[in-house]
Amino acid sequence: MIKDALKKSIGLGLCGFLLACSPSYEPPTAPSSAEEAPGDELPPAHTAFVEIAKAVMPTVVHISAVHRVEDIGYPFRLEERKNGWRGFFQRFLRVEPKRVFKQESLGSGFLIHRSGYILTNDHVVSDADEITVQLFDMREFDAKVVGSDPKADLALLRISTEEDLPTSPMGDSSSLEVGEWAIAVGNPFGLDRTVTVGVISATGRHGLYKEVGFIQTDASIHYGNSGGPLLNVRGEVIGINTAVMSSGQGIGFAVPINRAKQFAGPLIKIQ
């Protein structure tokens, strides 16, 4: 019986080998997921990131906000302390002009309307005396604040230009899932239009601002990234990079784009 089974097994194996070698033989293939749902197919990650970077770069801007700070002085400067109370009263009785210093803060933003509307964080431009926006082609424009939402750390800027500017496509932050790719673009430490990649670590994070459920991501975000876009693998903006947790690396937060659309939409229509 064993010999018969062995002969049968060898015979079936030989038949299979000859069949596979036949020119007319084609091995069975599994149905393609792209054929089943062509509208849901995603580009390979290694090419998607390159294409997204090329598409989004012209829409990301560099923001410089200048604050003027008055120096009220200190009543006991070093040279006056040497002269004791006499030196103090000599300075007190004479009129000295206030010294004004300029403090510059850097941030990012992105164009959301062809006429020059820009989304960014409120903390980037809040109480600024001068706001300068630098476009992808290095041209600079003075910008004004159209509106702000400090509770969500959002601000809408506008620059004056007669040409149509490129804009970033808006996504839907309500459909995000943990584990999705996340691409952050901005100007960390003044390094213009830096791209970093990570994933969506969590959604609905509260604590920074009680009314906002932030997107958490491990895509690198640093000082200067604030106000820049967070994108999905389709190149759509899903959030606005806002903050990082200083006590841990790889923990960044972004305002969901749906909240930003609710804020900016009415302001653009009014203008």
Foldseek 3Di string as FASTA:
>chain_A
DVVVVVVVVVVVVVVVVVLVPDPPDDDDDDDDPCVVPVVPDFDDLVVLVVVLLVQFQQFKKKKKFKAKDWDPDDLCDPVQVVVPPVSSVVVVPDDDDIDIDIDIAIAMWGDAFQQFKIKFFCVNHPNGPWMWIAGSVRDIFTKDWLDHDNLLRMTIIGGGDPGGGDGFAADALVPDDWPFKKWAFWQAVNNHTDIWIWTFHDWQPADVRRVFTWTWWLTDDHRHSGHTFIAGSNSHGQFGWHAADPVDHSTTITGGVVVVCVVCVVSVVVD
